[in-house]
Amino acid sequence: MASSNINILGIIGIVGAILMIVGVFLAWAELNILGVSLGTISGWDIFSNSDVGSIVDYTFTPLVALIGGILAIVLMVIPTFANTETMQKASNILGIISISIAIAVIVLGILFMTQSWDVLGKNISMMNYIQYGFWLTLIGAIITAIGGIMPIAKNRMS
């Protein structure tokens, strides 16, 4: 494979997808009861722990990010490493699918982080307890969306 057929900018999408996957297994939220921190919980634990689902909405967001990240890696490999004239249409379609996956993760992430509850007359916002794993996943989704645009932009310019 000639190095001129490699879309260097498409690697951005792959890096973003990897960040989405890694972020799922890092701390997504701080567990806090009445101001006492009980540690953190990963995105995967938020999804897999049924007790969390009784309190928090959008607990499936980490699963969507994980599956979306894996799919985005697979989808971005072709436009990145097989970027030939004969593959332009396929690259554009795969880029659009990657963008769609990333946008779904971004929207679900925003819905996850903006939820709130009333506890003992006090409004508790998830935004106050979001941790670095969530942000890494969200940033990864944004980078994946940008990477999905790259094959389309490169094919339009050539």
N, C-alpha and C. Protein backbone atom coordinates (compact mmCIF):
# COMPACT_ATOMS: atom_id res chain seq x y z
N MET A 1 0.85 -1.17 0.00
CA MET A 1 0.00 0.00 0.00
C MET A 1 0.89 1.23 0.00
N ALA A 2 0.66 2.08 -0.94
CA ALA A 2 1.45 3.31 -1.04
C ALA A 2 1.03 4.27 0.05
N SER A 3 2.02 4.97 0.59
CA SER A 3 1.71 5.91 1.67
C SER A 3 0.87 7.07 1.18
N SER A 4 0.88 7.32 -0.14
CA SER A 4 0.05 8.42 -0.67
C SER A 4 -1.43 8.08 -0.62
N ASN A 5 -1.77 6.79 -0.49
CA ASN A 5 -3.17 6.38 -0.39
C ASN A 5 -3.69 6.46 1.03
N ILE A 6 -2.83 6.76 1.98
CA ILE A 6 -3.25 6.85 3.38
C ILE A 6 -3.74 8.26 3.65
N ASN A 7 -4.95 8.35 4.18
CA ASN A 7 -5.53 9.64 4.55
C ASN A 7 -5.10 9.93 5.98
N ILE A 8 -4.05 10.71 6.13
CA ILE A 8 -3.50 11.02 7.46
C ILE A 8 -4.57 11.65 8.35
N LEU A 9 -5.41 12.49 7.77
CA LEU A 9 -6.44 13.15 8.56
C LEU A 9 -7.48 12.16 9.07
N GLY A 10 -7.68 11.05 8.37
CA GLY A 10 -8.63 10.03 8.81
C GLY A 10 -8.19 9.35 10.10
N ILE A 11 -6.89 9.39 10.38
CA ILE A 11 -6.39 8.81 11.62
C ILE A 11 -6.99 9.55 12.82
N ILE A 12 -7.35 10.80 12.63
CA ILE A 12 -8.01 11.57 13.69
C ILE A 12 -9.27 10.85 14.16
N GLY A 13 -10.06 10.37 13.22
CA GLY A 13 -11.29 9.65 13.57
C GLY A 13 -11.01 8.38 14.35
N ILE A 14 -9.96 7.68 13.98
CA ILE A 14 -9.59 6.45 14.69
C ILE A 14 -9.15 6.78 16.11
N VAL A 15 -8.35 7.83 16.27
CA VAL A 15 -7.92 8.25 17.61
C VAL A 15 -9.13 8.63 18.46
N GLY A 16 -10.07 9.37 17.89
CA GLY A 16 -11.29 9.74 18.61
C GLY A 16 -12.08 8.53 19.05
N ALA A 17 -12.19 7.53 18.18
CA ALA A 17 -12.92 6.31 18.52
C ALA A 17 -12.23 5.56 19.66
N ILE A 18 -10.90 5.54 19.63
CA ILE A 18 -10.15 4.90 20.72
C ILE A 18 -10.41 5.63 22.04
N LEU A 19 -10.44 6.96 21.99
CA LEU A 19 -10.73 7.74 23.21
C LEU A 19 -12.12 7.43 23.73
N MET A 20 -13.10 7.27 22.82
CA MET A 20 -14.45 6.91 23.26
C MET A 20 -14.44 5.58 24.00
N ILE A 21 -13.74 4.60 23.46
CA ILE A 21 -13.70 3.27 24.07
C ILE A 21 -13.01 3.32 25.43
N VAL A 22 -11.85 3.95 25.50
CA VAL A 22 -11.09 4.02 26.75
C VAL A 22 -11.89 4.78 27.81
N GLY A 23 -12.53 5.87 27.42
CA GLY A 23 -13.30 6.68 28.35
C GLY A 23 -14.41 5.92 29.05
N VAL A 24 -15.00 4.93 28.38
CA VAL A 24 -16.08 4.14 28.98
C VAL A 24 -15.61 3.43 30.24
N PHE A 25 -14.34 3.03 30.29
CA PHE A 25 -13.83 2.25 31.41
C PHE A 25 -13.16 3.11 32.49
N LEU A 26 -13.17 4.41 32.31
CA LEU A 26 -12.63 5.33 33.32
C LEU A 26 -13.78 5.92 34.13
N ALA A 27 -13.45 6.72 35.14
CA ALA A 27 -14.46 7.30 36.04
C ALA A 27 -15.39 8.25 35.29
N TRP A 28 -16.69 7.99 35.37
CA TRP A 28 -17.70 8.85 34.73
C TRP A 28 -18.38 9.77 35.72
N ALA A 29 -18.53 9.32 36.95
CA ALA A 29 -19.25 10.14 37.93
C ALA A 29 -18.73 9.86 39.33
N GLU A 30 -18.84 10.87 40.16
CA GLU A 30 -18.50 10.73 41.57
C GLU A 30 -19.74 10.27 42.31
N LEU A 31 -19.57 9.28 43.18
CA LEU A 31 -20.66 8.86 44.05
C LEU A 31 -20.60 9.73 45.29
N ASN A 32 -21.68 10.43 45.56
CA ASN A 32 -21.68 11.41 46.64
C ASN A 32 -23.03 11.36 47.33
N ILE A 33 -23.00 11.16 48.64
CA ILE A 33 -24.24 11.14 49.42
C ILE A 33 -24.13 12.19 50.51
N LEU A 34 -25.00 13.19 50.43
CA LEU A 34 -25.05 14.28 51.40
C LEU A 34 -23.68 14.93 51.60
N GLY A 35 -22.96 15.13 50.52
CA GLY A 35 -21.68 15.81 50.58
C GLY A 35 -20.50 14.92 50.91
N VAL A 36 -20.74 13.63 51.11
CA VAL A 36 -19.66 12.70 51.43
C VAL A 36 -19.34 11.89 50.17
N SER A 37 -18.10 12.02 49.70
CA SER A 37 -17.69 11.30 48.49
C SER A 37 -17.44 9.83 48.81
N LEU A 38 -18.03 8.96 48.00
CA LEU A 38 -17.86 7.52 48.17
C LEU A 38 -17.01 6.93 47.05
N GLY A 39 -16.31 7.77 46.31
CA GLY A 39 -15.48 7.31 45.21
C GLY A 39 -16.13 7.63 43.87
N THR A 40 -15.68 6.93 42.84
CA THR A 40 -16.19 7.18 41.50
C THR A 40 -16.73 5.88 40.90
N ILE A 41 -17.47 6.04 39.82
CA ILE A 41 -18.03 4.89 39.11
C ILE A 41 -17.72 5.06 37.63
N SER A 42 -17.28 3.98 37.00
CA SER A 42 -16.93 4.04 35.58
C SER A 42 -18.19 4.03 34.72
N GLY A 43 -18.01 4.40 33.47
CA GLY A 43 -19.12 4.35 32.53
C GLY A 43 -19.66 2.93 32.40
N TRP A 44 -18.75 1.96 32.34
CA TRP A 44 -19.19 0.57 32.22
C TRP A 44 -20.00 0.15 33.44
N ASP A 45 -19.57 0.56 34.64
CA ASP A 45 -20.32 0.23 35.86
C ASP A 45 -21.68 0.91 35.87
N ILE A 46 -21.77 2.11 35.33
CA ILE A 46 -23.06 2.80 35.24
C ILE A 46 -24.01 1.98 34.38
N PHE A 47 -23.49 1.44 33.27
CA PHE A 47 -24.33 0.63 32.39
C PHE A 47 -24.69 -0.71 33.03
N SER A 48 -23.72 -1.39 33.60
CA SER A 48 -23.93 -2.77 34.05
C SER A 48 -24.53 -2.90 35.44
N ASN A 49 -24.54 -1.86 36.25
CA ASN A 49 -25.09 -1.92 37.60
C ASN A 49 -26.56 -1.55 37.57
N SER A 50 -27.43 -2.52 37.83
CA SER A 50 -28.88 -2.27 37.74
C SER A 50 -29.36 -1.29 38.81
N ASP A 51 -28.65 -1.17 39.94
CA ASP A 51 -29.06 -0.22 40.97
C ASP A 51 -28.93 1.22 40.48
N VAL A 52 -27.93 1.50 39.67
CA VAL A 52 -27.73 2.85 39.14
C VAL A 52 -28.89 3.22 38.23
N GLY A 53 -29.37 2.26 37.45
CA GLY A 53 -30.47 2.51 36.52
C GLY A 53 -31.76 2.93 37.18
N SER A 54 -31.92 2.59 38.46
CA SER A 54 -33.13 3.00 39.16
C SER A 54 -33.07 4.47 39.58
N ILE A 55 -31.89 5.07 39.53
CA ILE A 55 -31.70 6.47 39.93
C ILE A 55 -31.39 7.36 38.74
N VAL A 56 -30.53 6.89 37.86
CA VAL A 56 -29.98 7.70 36.78
C VAL A 56 -30.61 7.29 35.44
N ASP A 57 -30.94 8.26 34.61
CA ASP A 57 -31.42 7.99 33.26
C ASP A 57 -30.23 7.88 32.30
N TYR A 58 -30.49 7.35 31.14
CA TYR A 58 -29.49 7.23 30.07
C TYR A 58 -28.29 6.39 30.49
N THR A 59 -28.54 5.33 31.28
CA THR A 59 -27.43 4.46 31.70
C THR A 59 -26.87 3.64 30.55
N PHE A 60 -27.57 3.62 29.42
CA PHE A 60 -27.09 2.89 28.25
C PHE A 60 -26.07 3.71 27.44
N THR A 61 -25.86 4.97 27.81
CA THR A 61 -24.93 5.83 27.08
C THR A 61 -23.52 5.23 26.99
N PRO A 62 -22.95 4.68 28.08
CA PRO A 62 -21.61 4.08 27.94
C PRO A 62 -21.58 2.91 26.96
N LEU A 63 -22.65 2.11 26.92
CA LEU A 63 -22.69 1.00 25.97
C LEU A 63 -22.72 1.52 24.54
N VAL A 64 -23.52 2.54 24.30
CA VAL A 64 -23.57 3.15 22.96
C VAL A 64 -22.20 3.70 22.58
N ALA A 65 -21.51 4.33 23.54
CA ALA A 65 -20.17 4.87 23.27
C ALA A 65 -19.18 3.74 22.97
N LEU A 66 -19.27 2.65 23.70
CA LEU A 66 -18.36 1.52 23.48
C LEU A 66 -18.60 0.89 22.10
N ILE A 67 -19.84 0.55 21.81
CA ILE A 67 -20.16 -0.05 20.51
C ILE A 67 -19.87 0.94 19.38
N GLY A 68 -20.25 2.20 19.60
CA GLY A 68 -19.99 3.24 18.60
C GLY A 68 -18.51 3.42 18.34
N GLY A 69 -17.69 3.37 19.38
CA GLY A 69 -16.25 3.51 19.22
C GLY A 69 -15.66 2.36 18.42
N ILE A 70 -16.11 1.14 18.73
CA ILE A 70 -15.63 -0.03 17.99
C ILE A 70 -16.04 0.06 16.52
N LEU A 71 -17.31 0.40 16.28
CA LEU A 71 -17.79 0.54 14.90
C LEU A 71 -17.04 1.65 14.16
N ALA A 72 -16.82 2.75 14.85
CA ALA A 72 -16.13 3.88 14.21
C ALA A 72 -14.70 3.50 13.81
N ILE A 73 -14.03 2.72 14.64
CA ILE A 73 -12.68 2.27 14.27
C ILE A 73 -12.75 1.44 12.99
N VAL A 74 -13.65 0.48 12.97
CA VAL A 74 -13.79 -0.38 11.79
C VAL A 74 -14.16 0.45 10.56
N LEU A 75 -15.10 1.38 10.72
CA LEU A 75 -15.56 2.18 9.59
C LEU A 75 -14.50 3.16 9.10
N MET A 76 -13.64 3.64 9.99
CA MET A 76 -12.64 4.63 9.59
C MET A 76 -11.39 4.00 8.99
N VAL A 77 -11.19 2.69 9.16
CA VAL A 77 -10.00 2.04 8.61
C VAL A 77 -10.00 2.11 7.08
N ILE A 78 -11.14 1.83 6.46
CA ILE A 78 -11.18 1.84 4.98
C ILE A 78 -10.91 3.22 4.42
N PRO A 79 -11.63 4.28 4.88
CA PRO A 79 -11.33 5.59 4.31
C PRO A 79 -9.92 6.09 4.61
N THR A 80 -9.33 5.60 5.69
CA THR A 80 -8.01 6.07 6.08
C THR A 80 -6.89 5.36 5.32
N PHE A 81 -6.98 4.05 5.22
CA PHE A 81 -5.87 3.29 4.66
C PHE A 81 -6.11 2.80 3.23
N ALA A 82 -7.32 2.91 2.72
CA ALA A 82 -7.61 2.51 1.33
C ALA A 82 -8.25 3.69 0.61
N ASN A 83 -7.62 4.81 0.71
CA ASN A 83 -8.18 6.05 0.16
C ASN A 83 -7.76 6.21 -1.30
N THR A 84 -8.39 5.42 -2.17
CA THR A 84 -8.11 5.49 -3.60
C THR A 84 -9.33 6.07 -4.31
N GLU A 85 -9.16 6.40 -5.58
CA GLU A 85 -10.28 6.97 -6.34
C GLU A 85 -11.45 6.01 -6.42
N THR A 86 -11.17 4.72 -6.53
CA THR A 86 -12.25 3.74 -6.63
C THR A 86 -13.01 3.59 -5.32
N MET A 87 -12.43 3.98 -4.22
CA MET A 87 -13.06 3.85 -2.91
C MET A 87 -13.70 5.15 -2.42
N GLN A 88 -13.72 6.20 -3.23
CA GLN A 88 -14.22 7.50 -2.77
C GLN A 88 -15.66 7.44 -2.29
N LYS A 89 -16.54 6.81 -3.06
CA LYS A 89 -17.95 6.76 -2.67
C LYS A 89 -18.12 5.98 -1.36
N ALA A 90 -17.44 4.84 -1.26
CA ALA A 90 -17.51 4.04 -0.03
C ALA A 90 -16.93 4.83 1.15
N SER A 91 -15.84 5.54 0.91
CA SER A 91 -15.23 6.35 1.97
C SER A 91 -16.20 7.42 2.46
N ASN A 92 -16.90 8.06 1.54
CA ASN A 92 -17.87 9.09 1.91
C ASN A 92 -19.00 8.49 2.76
N ILE A 93 -19.51 7.34 2.35
CA ILE A 93 -20.60 6.69 3.09
C ILE A 93 -20.12 6.29 4.48
N LEU A 94 -18.95 5.69 4.57
CA LEU A 94 -18.41 5.28 5.87
C LEU A 94 -18.13 6.48 6.76
N GLY A 95 -17.68 7.58 6.16
CA GLY A 95 -17.47 8.81 6.93
C GLY A 95 -18.78 9.33 7.50
N ILE A 96 -19.84 9.30 6.70
CA ILE A 96 -21.16 9.76 7.16
C ILE A 96 -21.67 8.88 8.29
N ILE A 97 -21.48 7.57 8.18
CA ILE A 97 -21.91 6.66 9.25
C ILE A 97 -21.12 6.96 10.53
N SER A 98 -19.82 7.18 10.41
CA SER A 98 -18.99 7.52 11.58
C SER A 98 -19.45 8.81 12.24
N ILE A 99 -19.78 9.80 11.41
CA ILE A 99 -20.29 11.07 11.94
C ILE A 99 -21.60 10.83 12.69
N SER A 100 -22.49 10.01 12.12
CA SER A 100 -23.78 9.73 12.75
C SER A 100 -23.61 9.05 14.10
N ILE A 101 -22.70 8.08 14.17
CA ILE A 101 -22.42 7.40 15.43
C ILE A 101 -21.91 8.40 16.46
N ALA A 102 -20.97 9.23 16.06
CA ALA A 102 -20.38 10.21 16.98
C ALA A 102 -21.44 11.19 17.48
N ILE A 103 -22.31 11.64 16.59
CA ILE A 103 -23.36 12.58 16.99
C ILE A 103 -24.31 11.92 17.98
N ALA A 104 -24.64 10.65 17.78
CA ALA A 104 -25.50 9.93 18.73
C ALA A 104 -24.86 9.88 20.11
N VAL A 105 -23.56 9.60 20.17
CA VAL A 105 -22.86 9.55 21.46
C VAL A 105 -22.83 10.94 22.10
N ILE A 106 -22.60 11.97 21.30
CA ILE A 106 -22.58 13.35 21.83
C ILE A 106 -23.94 13.72 22.41
N VAL A 107 -25.01 13.45 21.68
CA VAL A 107 -26.36 13.81 22.15
C VAL A 107 -26.70 13.04 23.43
N LEU A 108 -26.44 11.73 23.44
CA LEU A 108 -26.72 10.95 24.65
C LEU A 108 -25.86 11.41 25.82
N GLY A 109 -24.61 11.78 25.55
CA GLY A 109 -23.74 12.29 26.60
C GLY A 109 -24.27 13.57 27.21
N ILE A 110 -24.76 14.46 26.36
CA ILE A 110 -25.32 15.72 26.86
C ILE A 110 -26.57 15.44 27.69
N LEU A 111 -27.43 14.53 27.22
CA LEU A 111 -28.62 14.17 28.00
C LEU A 111 -28.23 13.55 29.33
N PHE A 112 -27.19 12.71 29.33
CA PHE A 112 -26.71 12.08 30.56
C PHE A 112 -26.22 13.12 31.56
N MET A 113 -25.41 14.06 31.10
CA MET A 113 -24.78 15.00 32.04
C MET A 113 -25.71 16.11 32.50
N THR A 114 -26.81 16.36 31.80
CA THR A 114 -27.69 17.47 32.18
C THR A 114 -28.88 17.04 33.03
N GLN A 115 -28.95 15.78 33.40
CA GLN A 115 -30.08 15.36 34.23
C GLN A 115 -29.89 15.82 35.68
N SER A 116 -31.01 15.94 36.38
CA SER A 116 -30.96 16.38 37.78
C SER A 116 -32.13 15.75 38.54
N TRP A 117 -32.04 15.78 39.87
CA TRP A 117 -33.04 15.20 40.74
C TRP A 117 -33.30 16.13 41.91
N ASP A 118 -34.47 15.98 42.50
CA ASP A 118 -34.77 16.68 43.76
C ASP A 118 -34.63 15.67 44.88
N VAL A 119 -33.70 15.94 45.80
CA VAL A 119 -33.46 15.06 46.94
C VAL A 119 -33.58 15.90 48.20
N LEU A 120 -34.53 15.54 49.05
CA LEU A 120 -34.78 16.25 50.30
C LEU A 120 -34.93 17.75 50.06
N GLY A 121 -35.65 18.10 49.01
CA GLY A 121 -35.91 19.50 48.70
C GLY A 121 -34.76 20.24 48.05
N LYS A 122 -33.68 19.53 47.75
CA LYS A 122 -32.51 20.16 47.12
C LYS A 122 -32.33 19.57 45.73
N ASN A 123 -32.07 20.45 44.75
CA ASN A 123 -31.85 19.99 43.38
C ASN A 123 -30.41 19.52 43.23
N ILE A 124 -30.25 18.28 42.80
CA ILE A 124 -28.93 17.69 42.59
C ILE A 124 -28.72 17.54 41.08
N SER A 125 -27.65 18.12 40.57
CA SER A 125 -27.35 18.07 39.14
C SER A 125 -26.21 17.10 38.87
N MET A 126 -26.39 16.26 37.89
CA MET A 126 -25.33 15.32 37.49
C MET A 126 -24.06 16.06 37.08
N MET A 127 -24.25 17.24 36.51
CA MET A 127 -23.12 18.04 36.02
C MET A 127 -22.07 18.27 37.12
N ASN A 128 -22.50 18.35 38.36
CA ASN A 128 -21.58 18.58 39.48
C ASN A 128 -20.72 17.36 39.81
N TYR A 129 -21.10 16.19 39.28
CA TYR A 129 -20.42 14.95 39.65
C TYR A 129 -19.75 14.23 38.47
N ILE A 130 -19.78 14.84 37.30
CA ILE A 130 -19.17 14.25 36.11
C ILE A 130 -17.65 14.19 36.28
N GLN A 131 -17.05 13.09 35.86
CA GLN A 131 -15.61 12.87 36.00
C GLN A 131 -14.92 12.75 34.64
N TYR A 132 -13.62 12.59 34.66
CA TYR A 132 -12.77 12.65 33.46
C TYR A 132 -13.08 11.59 32.40
N GLY A 133 -13.52 10.41 32.78
CA GLY A 133 -13.84 9.38 31.79
C GLY A 133 -14.98 9.79 30.88
N PHE A 134 -15.97 10.45 31.47
CA PHE A 134 -17.09 10.96 30.67
C PHE A 134 -16.59 11.99 29.67
N TRP A 135 -15.77 12.93 30.16
CA TRP A 135 -15.26 13.99 29.27
C TRP A 135 -14.39 13.40 28.17
N LEU A 136 -13.58 12.39 28.49
CA LEU A 136 -12.75 11.75 27.48
C LEU A 136 -13.62 11.09 26.41
N THR A 137 -14.70 10.45 26.83
CA THR A 137 -15.63 9.84 25.88
C THR A 137 -16.27 10.89 24.99
N LEU A 138 -16.71 11.99 25.59
CA LEU A 138 -17.36 13.06 24.82
C LEU A 138 -16.38 13.71 23.84
N ILE A 139 -15.17 13.98 24.29
CA ILE A 139 -14.14 14.55 23.41
C ILE A 139 -13.81 13.56 22.29
N GLY A 140 -13.73 12.27 22.63
CA GLY A 140 -13.48 11.25 21.61
C GLY A 140 -14.57 11.24 20.55
N ALA A 141 -15.82 11.40 20.97
CA ALA A 141 -16.93 11.44 20.00
C ALA A 141 -16.83 12.67 19.10
N ILE A 142 -16.45 13.79 19.66
CA ILE A 142 -16.29 15.02 18.86
C ILE A 142 -15.15 14.83 17.85
N ILE A 143 -14.04 14.26 18.30
CA ILE A 143 -12.90 14.01 17.40
C ILE A 143 -13.29 13.00 16.32
N THR A 144 -14.07 11.99 16.69
CA THR A 144 -14.54 11.00 15.71
C THR A 144 -15.40 11.67 14.65
N ALA A 145 -16.28 12.58 15.07
CA ALA A 145 -17.11 13.31 14.10
C ALA A 145 -16.24 14.11 13.14
N ILE A 146 -15.23 14.77 13.68
CA ILE A 146 -14.30 15.54 12.82
C ILE A 146 -13.56 14.59 11.87
N GLY A 147 -13.11 13.45 12.40
CA GLY A 147 -12.43 12.46 11.57
C GLY A 147 -13.34 11.89 10.49
N GLY A 148 -14.63 11.78 10.77
CA GLY A 148 -15.59 11.30 9.78
C GLY A 148 -15.79 12.28 8.65
N ILE A 149 -15.59 13.55 8.94
CA ILE A 149 -15.72 14.59 7.92
C ILE A 149 -14.51 14.57 6.98
N MET A 150 -13.37 14.16 7.49
CA MET A 150 -12.13 14.22 6.73
C MET A 150 -12.16 13.48 5.39
N PRO A 151 -12.64 12.20 5.34
CA PRO A 151 -12.65 11.54 4.03
C PRO A 151 -13.55 12.27 3.02
N ILE A 152 -14.66 12.78 3.51
CA ILE A 152 -15.59 13.50 2.63
C ILE A 152 -14.93 14.77 2.12
N ALA A 153 -14.31 15.51 3.03
CA ALA A 153 -13.65 16.77 2.64
C ALA A 153 -12.50 16.50 1.67
N LYS A 154 -11.71 15.46 1.95
CA LYS A 154 -10.57 15.16 1.08
C LYS A 154 -11.05 14.75 -0.31
N ASN A 155 -12.12 13.95 -0.38
CA ASN A 155 -12.64 13.52 -1.68
C ASN A 155 -13.26 14.68 -2.45
N ARG A 156 -13.83 15.64 -1.76
CA ARG A 156 -14.42 16.80 -2.42
C ARG A 156 -13.33 17.71 -3.01
N MET A 157 -12.19 17.77 -2.32
CA MET A 157 -11.09 18.63 -2.78
C MET A 157 -10.33 18.04 -3.96
N SER A 158 -10.35 16.70 -4.06
CA SER A 158 -9.57 16.08 -5.14
C SER A 158 -10.36 15.93 -6.42
